[in-house]
Amino acid sequence: MYAVIRTGGKQYRVAANEVLTVDRLAGDKGAAVEFGEVLAVGADDGLKVGAPTVAGAKVTASIVEQVKGDTILVFKKRRRQNSRRKNGHRQLMTKVKIDQIVA
């Protein structure tokens, strides 16, 4: 069984016992998280697509750890102005382990 969830403005295809990295969620290591925006649920008997979400469906997960993503360089240059700016950015992310999909 799998599900398509929406969190942090992105969509993810998840299955049970899968570890997933999503945008930062509030909570400490080991805390339970529930995703209520389930867009689709698929199983052996077929696919159930919501409009926009599947009624009564939810995905429960637990937080594995809070991490930072890879460094992204942000470089801005204005030509012929002798103006340059260089910044780095590391996105805050959360690793979650999918525990259960309730259809």
N, C-alpha and C. Protein backbone atom coordinates (compact mmCIF):
# COMPACT_ATOMS: atom_id res chain seq x y z
N MET A 1 0.84 -1.18 0.00
CA MET A 1 0.00 0.00 0.00
C MET A 1 0.88 1.24 0.00
N TYR A 2 0.48 2.24 -0.76
CA TYR A 2 1.22 3.49 -0.81
C TYR A 2 0.24 4.66 -0.80
N ALA A 3 0.77 5.85 -0.56
CA ALA A 3 -0.05 7.05 -0.54
C ALA A 3 0.76 8.21 -1.10
N VAL A 4 0.04 9.21 -1.59
CA VAL A 4 0.66 10.45 -2.03
C VAL A 4 0.21 11.53 -1.06
N ILE A 5 1.19 12.16 -0.38
CA ILE A 5 0.87 13.18 0.63
C ILE A 5 1.43 14.52 0.19
N ARG A 6 0.90 15.58 0.78
CA ARG A 6 1.40 16.92 0.51
C ARG A 6 1.85 17.54 1.83
N THR A 7 3.10 18.00 1.86
CA THR A 7 3.63 18.70 3.03
C THR A 7 4.72 19.66 2.56
N GLY A 8 4.72 20.85 3.12
CA GLY A 8 5.73 21.84 2.77
C GLY A 8 5.63 22.31 1.34
N GLY A 9 4.44 22.24 0.74
CA GLY A 9 4.26 22.68 -0.64
C GLY A 9 4.75 21.67 -1.68
N LYS A 10 5.11 20.49 -1.25
CA LYS A 10 5.59 19.45 -2.17
C LYS A 10 4.77 18.18 -1.97
N GLN A 11 4.81 17.31 -2.97
CA GLN A 11 4.08 16.05 -2.89
C GLN A 11 5.08 14.90 -2.84
N TYR A 12 4.77 13.89 -2.03
CA TYR A 12 5.65 12.74 -1.85
C TYR A 12 4.85 11.45 -1.96
N ARG A 13 5.43 10.46 -2.62
CA ARG A 13 4.84 9.11 -2.66
C ARG A 13 5.49 8.32 -1.54
N VAL A 14 4.69 7.83 -0.61
CA VAL A 14 5.23 7.17 0.57
C VAL A 14 4.64 5.78 0.72
N ALA A 15 5.40 4.92 1.38
CA ALA A 15 4.95 3.57 1.73
C ALA A 15 5.35 3.32 3.18
N ALA A 16 4.79 2.28 3.77
CA ALA A 16 5.09 1.97 5.17
C ALA A 16 6.56 1.60 5.34
N ASN A 17 7.13 1.97 6.48
CA ASN A 17 8.53 1.71 6.86
C ASN A 17 9.54 2.41 5.96
N GLU A 18 9.14 3.46 5.30
CA GLU A 18 10.03 4.22 4.43
C GLU A 18 10.54 5.44 5.18
N VAL A 19 11.81 5.79 4.98
CA VAL A 19 12.39 6.99 5.60
C VAL A 19 12.42 8.08 4.54
N LEU A 20 11.94 9.26 4.90
CA LEU A 20 11.72 10.34 3.94
C LEU A 20 12.27 11.63 4.52
N THR A 21 12.85 12.48 3.67
CA THR A 21 13.33 13.79 4.10
C THR A 21 12.39 14.86 3.57
N VAL A 22 11.78 15.62 4.47
CA VAL A 22 10.83 16.67 4.10
C VAL A 22 11.29 17.99 4.71
N ASP A 23 10.62 19.08 4.33
CA ASP A 23 10.92 20.37 4.94
C ASP A 23 10.66 20.30 6.43
N ARG A 24 11.29 21.21 7.20
CA ARG A 24 11.28 21.17 8.66
C ARG A 24 9.87 21.09 9.22
N LEU A 25 9.67 20.13 10.11
CA LEU A 25 8.43 19.98 10.85
C LEU A 25 8.73 20.21 12.33
N ALA A 26 7.77 20.74 13.05
CA ALA A 26 7.95 20.99 14.47
C ALA A 26 7.92 19.67 15.22
N GLY A 27 8.82 19.52 16.19
CA GLY A 27 8.85 18.32 17.02
C GLY A 27 10.26 17.84 17.24
N ASP A 28 10.41 17.03 18.28
CA ASP A 28 11.71 16.47 18.63
C ASP A 28 11.84 15.06 18.08
N LYS A 29 13.02 14.50 18.24
CA LYS A 29 13.29 13.14 17.79
C LYS A 29 12.35 12.16 18.50
N GLY A 30 11.71 11.29 17.73
CA GLY A 30 10.78 10.32 18.29
C GLY A 30 9.34 10.78 18.36
N ALA A 31 9.08 12.05 18.09
CA ALA A 31 7.71 12.57 18.16
C ALA A 31 6.88 12.04 16.99
N ALA A 32 5.58 11.91 17.22
CA ALA A 32 4.66 11.43 16.19
C ALA A 32 4.17 12.61 15.35
N VAL A 33 4.06 12.36 14.05
CA VAL A 33 3.57 13.37 13.11
C VAL A 33 2.46 12.74 12.29
N GLU A 34 1.41 13.52 12.02
CA GLU A 34 0.30 13.00 11.23
C GLU A 34 0.10 13.90 10.00
N PHE A 35 0.08 13.28 8.83
CA PHE A 35 -0.16 14.00 7.58
C PHE A 35 -1.62 13.79 7.19
N GLY A 36 -2.39 14.85 7.21
CA GLY A 36 -3.82 14.76 6.89
C GLY A 36 -4.13 15.00 5.44
N GLU A 37 -3.23 15.66 4.72
CA GLU A 37 -3.46 15.94 3.31
C GLU A 37 -2.99 14.77 2.46
N VAL A 38 -3.84 13.76 2.34
CA VAL A 38 -3.53 12.58 1.53
C VAL A 38 -4.25 12.75 0.19
N LEU A 39 -3.48 12.87 -0.88
CA LEU A 39 -4.05 13.14 -2.20
C LEU A 39 -4.50 11.87 -2.91
N ALA A 40 -3.83 10.75 -2.65
CA ALA A 40 -4.20 9.48 -3.29
C ALA A 40 -3.74 8.32 -2.42
N VAL A 41 -4.46 7.22 -2.50
CA VAL A 41 -4.10 5.99 -1.79
C VAL A 41 -4.18 4.85 -2.79
N GLY A 42 -3.08 4.10 -2.89
CA GLY A 42 -3.05 2.98 -3.82
C GLY A 42 -2.82 1.68 -3.09
N ALA A 43 -3.46 0.62 -3.58
CA ALA A 43 -3.31 -0.71 -3.00
C ALA A 43 -3.44 -1.73 -4.12
N ASP A 44 -3.52 -3.02 -3.75
CA ASP A 44 -3.65 -4.08 -4.74
C ASP A 44 -4.96 -3.98 -5.52
N ASP A 45 -6.01 -3.49 -4.87
CA ASP A 45 -7.32 -3.42 -5.53
C ASP A 45 -7.51 -2.16 -6.37
N GLY A 46 -6.53 -1.27 -6.41
CA GLY A 46 -6.63 -0.09 -7.27
C GLY A 46 -6.18 1.18 -6.58
N LEU A 47 -6.45 2.28 -7.23
CA LEU A 47 -6.03 3.60 -6.77
C LEU A 47 -7.26 4.43 -6.42
N LYS A 48 -7.20 5.07 -5.25
CA LYS A 48 -8.28 5.96 -4.82
C LYS A 48 -7.73 7.38 -4.82
N VAL A 49 -8.27 8.23 -5.70
CA VAL A 49 -7.79 9.60 -5.85
C VAL A 49 -8.79 10.54 -5.22
N GLY A 50 -8.31 11.49 -4.44
CA GLY A 50 -9.18 12.44 -3.78
C GLY A 50 -9.45 13.66 -4.63
N ALA A 51 -10.44 14.43 -4.21
CA ALA A 51 -10.77 15.66 -4.92
C ALA A 51 -10.97 16.78 -3.91
N PRO A 52 -10.00 17.46 -3.39
CA PRO A 52 -8.56 17.31 -3.63
C PRO A 52 -7.90 16.29 -2.72
N THR A 53 -8.54 15.90 -1.59
CA THR A 53 -7.92 14.91 -0.70
C THR A 53 -8.86 13.73 -0.52
N VAL A 54 -8.31 12.61 -0.11
CA VAL A 54 -9.10 11.42 0.16
C VAL A 54 -9.72 11.57 1.55
N ALA A 55 -11.04 11.46 1.62
CA ALA A 55 -11.75 11.65 2.89
C ALA A 55 -11.41 10.52 3.86
N GLY A 56 -11.05 10.89 5.09
CA GLY A 56 -10.78 9.91 6.13
C GLY A 56 -9.41 9.26 6.08
N ALA A 57 -8.61 9.60 5.09
CA ALA A 57 -7.28 9.00 4.97
C ALA A 57 -6.25 9.84 5.70
N LYS A 58 -5.28 9.17 6.31
CA LYS A 58 -4.19 9.88 6.97
C LYS A 58 -2.96 8.99 6.99
N VAL A 59 -1.81 9.62 7.14
CA VAL A 59 -0.53 8.92 7.20
C VAL A 59 0.13 9.32 8.51
N THR A 60 0.53 8.35 9.32
CA THR A 60 1.22 8.63 10.57
C THR A 60 2.70 8.31 10.40
N ALA A 61 3.53 9.14 11.03
CA ALA A 61 4.98 8.97 10.92
C ALA A 61 5.62 9.38 12.23
N SER A 62 6.89 9.03 12.39
CA SER A 62 7.65 9.46 13.56
C SER A 62 8.93 10.14 13.09
N ILE A 63 9.36 11.14 13.83
CA ILE A 63 10.54 11.92 13.46
C ILE A 63 11.79 11.13 13.82
N VAL A 64 12.66 10.95 12.83
CA VAL A 64 13.92 10.24 13.05
C VAL A 64 14.98 11.22 13.52
N GLU A 65 15.12 12.36 12.81
CA GLU A 65 16.07 13.40 13.22
C GLU A 65 15.80 14.69 12.48
N GLN A 66 16.29 15.78 13.06
CA GLN A 66 16.24 17.10 12.43
C GLN A 66 17.62 17.36 11.83
N VAL A 67 17.68 17.68 10.54
CA VAL A 67 18.96 17.84 9.84
C VAL A 67 18.96 19.12 9.03
N LYS A 68 20.13 19.44 8.49
CA LYS A 68 20.29 20.53 7.54
C LYS A 68 20.64 19.93 6.19
N GLY A 69 20.12 20.52 5.13
CA GLY A 69 20.39 20.05 3.78
C GLY A 69 21.77 20.48 3.32
N ASP A 70 22.10 20.13 2.08
CA ASP A 70 23.39 20.51 1.50
C ASP A 70 23.45 22.01 1.27
N THR A 71 24.66 22.54 1.21
CA THR A 71 24.85 23.97 0.99
C THR A 71 24.55 24.32 -0.45
N ILE A 72 23.76 25.38 -0.63
CA ILE A 72 23.45 25.91 -1.95
C ILE A 72 24.09 27.28 -2.03
N LEU A 73 24.89 27.53 -3.06
CA LEU A 73 25.52 28.83 -3.24
C LEU A 73 24.57 29.78 -3.95
N VAL A 74 24.41 30.98 -3.41
CA VAL A 74 23.58 32.02 -4.01
C VAL A 74 24.53 33.13 -4.41
N PHE A 75 24.71 33.33 -5.72
CA PHE A 75 25.66 34.33 -6.23
C PHE A 75 24.91 35.31 -7.11
N LYS A 76 25.01 36.60 -6.75
CA LYS A 76 24.34 37.64 -7.52
C LYS A 76 25.39 38.61 -8.03
N LYS A 77 25.31 38.96 -9.29
CA LYS A 77 26.28 39.87 -9.90
C LYS A 77 25.55 40.86 -10.79
N ARG A 78 25.88 42.12 -10.63
CA ARG A 78 25.35 43.15 -11.51
C ARG A 78 26.48 43.58 -12.43
N ARG A 79 26.32 43.32 -13.70
CA ARG A 79 27.42 43.55 -14.63
C ARG A 79 27.75 45.04 -14.75
N ARG A 80 29.03 45.28 -14.90
CA ARG A 80 29.61 46.62 -15.07
C ARG A 80 29.33 47.54 -13.88
N GLN A 81 28.96 47.02 -12.73
CA GLN A 81 28.69 47.84 -11.56
C GLN A 81 29.69 47.56 -10.44
N ASN A 82 30.59 46.62 -10.65
CA ASN A 82 31.53 46.17 -9.62
C ASN A 82 30.76 45.76 -8.35
N SER A 83 29.64 45.03 -8.57
CA SER A 83 28.78 44.65 -7.46
C SER A 83 28.58 43.14 -7.51
N ARG A 84 29.03 42.47 -6.46
CA ARG A 84 28.86 41.02 -6.37
C ARG A 84 28.45 40.66 -4.95
N ARG A 85 27.66 39.61 -4.82
CA ARG A 85 27.26 39.12 -3.51
C ARG A 85 27.25 37.60 -3.55
N LYS A 86 27.86 36.99 -2.56
CA LYS A 86 27.92 35.53 -2.48
C LYS A 86 27.41 35.10 -1.11
N ASN A 87 26.38 34.27 -1.12
CA ASN A 87 25.79 33.75 0.11
C ASN A 87 25.65 32.24 0.01
N GLY A 88 25.59 31.60 1.14
CA GLY A 88 25.30 30.18 1.19
C GLY A 88 23.99 29.96 1.93
N HIS A 89 23.31 28.86 1.61
CA HIS A 89 22.04 28.56 2.28
C HIS A 89 21.97 27.06 2.54
N ARG A 90 21.54 26.70 3.76
CA ARG A 90 21.31 25.30 4.11
C ARG A 90 19.88 25.18 4.61
N GLN A 91 19.06 24.46 3.88
CA GLN A 91 17.65 24.30 4.22
C GLN A 91 17.51 23.39 5.44
N LEU A 92 16.63 23.77 6.36
CA LEU A 92 16.34 22.95 7.52
C LEU A 92 15.36 21.85 7.11
N MET A 93 15.68 20.60 7.44
CA MET A 93 14.86 19.48 7.00
C MET A 93 14.62 18.51 8.15
N THR A 94 13.65 17.65 7.97
CA THR A 94 13.29 16.64 8.97
C THR A 94 13.24 15.28 8.29
N LYS A 95 13.88 14.29 8.90
CA LYS A 95 13.77 12.91 8.41
C LYS A 95 12.66 12.23 9.18
N VAL A 96 11.69 11.67 8.46
CA VAL A 96 10.58 10.98 9.10
C VAL A 96 10.50 9.54 8.60
N LYS A 97 10.04 8.66 9.48
CA LYS A 97 9.81 7.25 9.12
C LYS A 97 8.31 7.02 9.10
N ILE A 98 7.81 6.57 7.96
CA ILE A 98 6.37 6.35 7.80
C ILE A 98 5.99 5.10 8.58
N ASP A 99 5.05 5.25 9.51
CA ASP A 99 4.63 4.13 10.34
C ASP A 99 3.43 3.41 9.76
N GLN A 100 2.41 4.18 9.36
CA GLN A 100 1.14 3.55 8.98
C GLN A 100 0.39 4.44 8.00
N ILE A 101 -0.31 3.78 7.06
CA ILE A 101 -1.19 4.48 6.13
C ILE A 101 -2.61 4.00 6.41
N VAL A 102 -3.48 4.93 6.80
CA VAL A 102 -4.88 4.60 7.10
C VAL A 102 -5.72 5.14 5.96
N ALA A 103 -6.40 4.23 5.25
CA ALA A 103 -7.18 4.66 4.09
C ALA A 103 -8.59 5.01 4.49
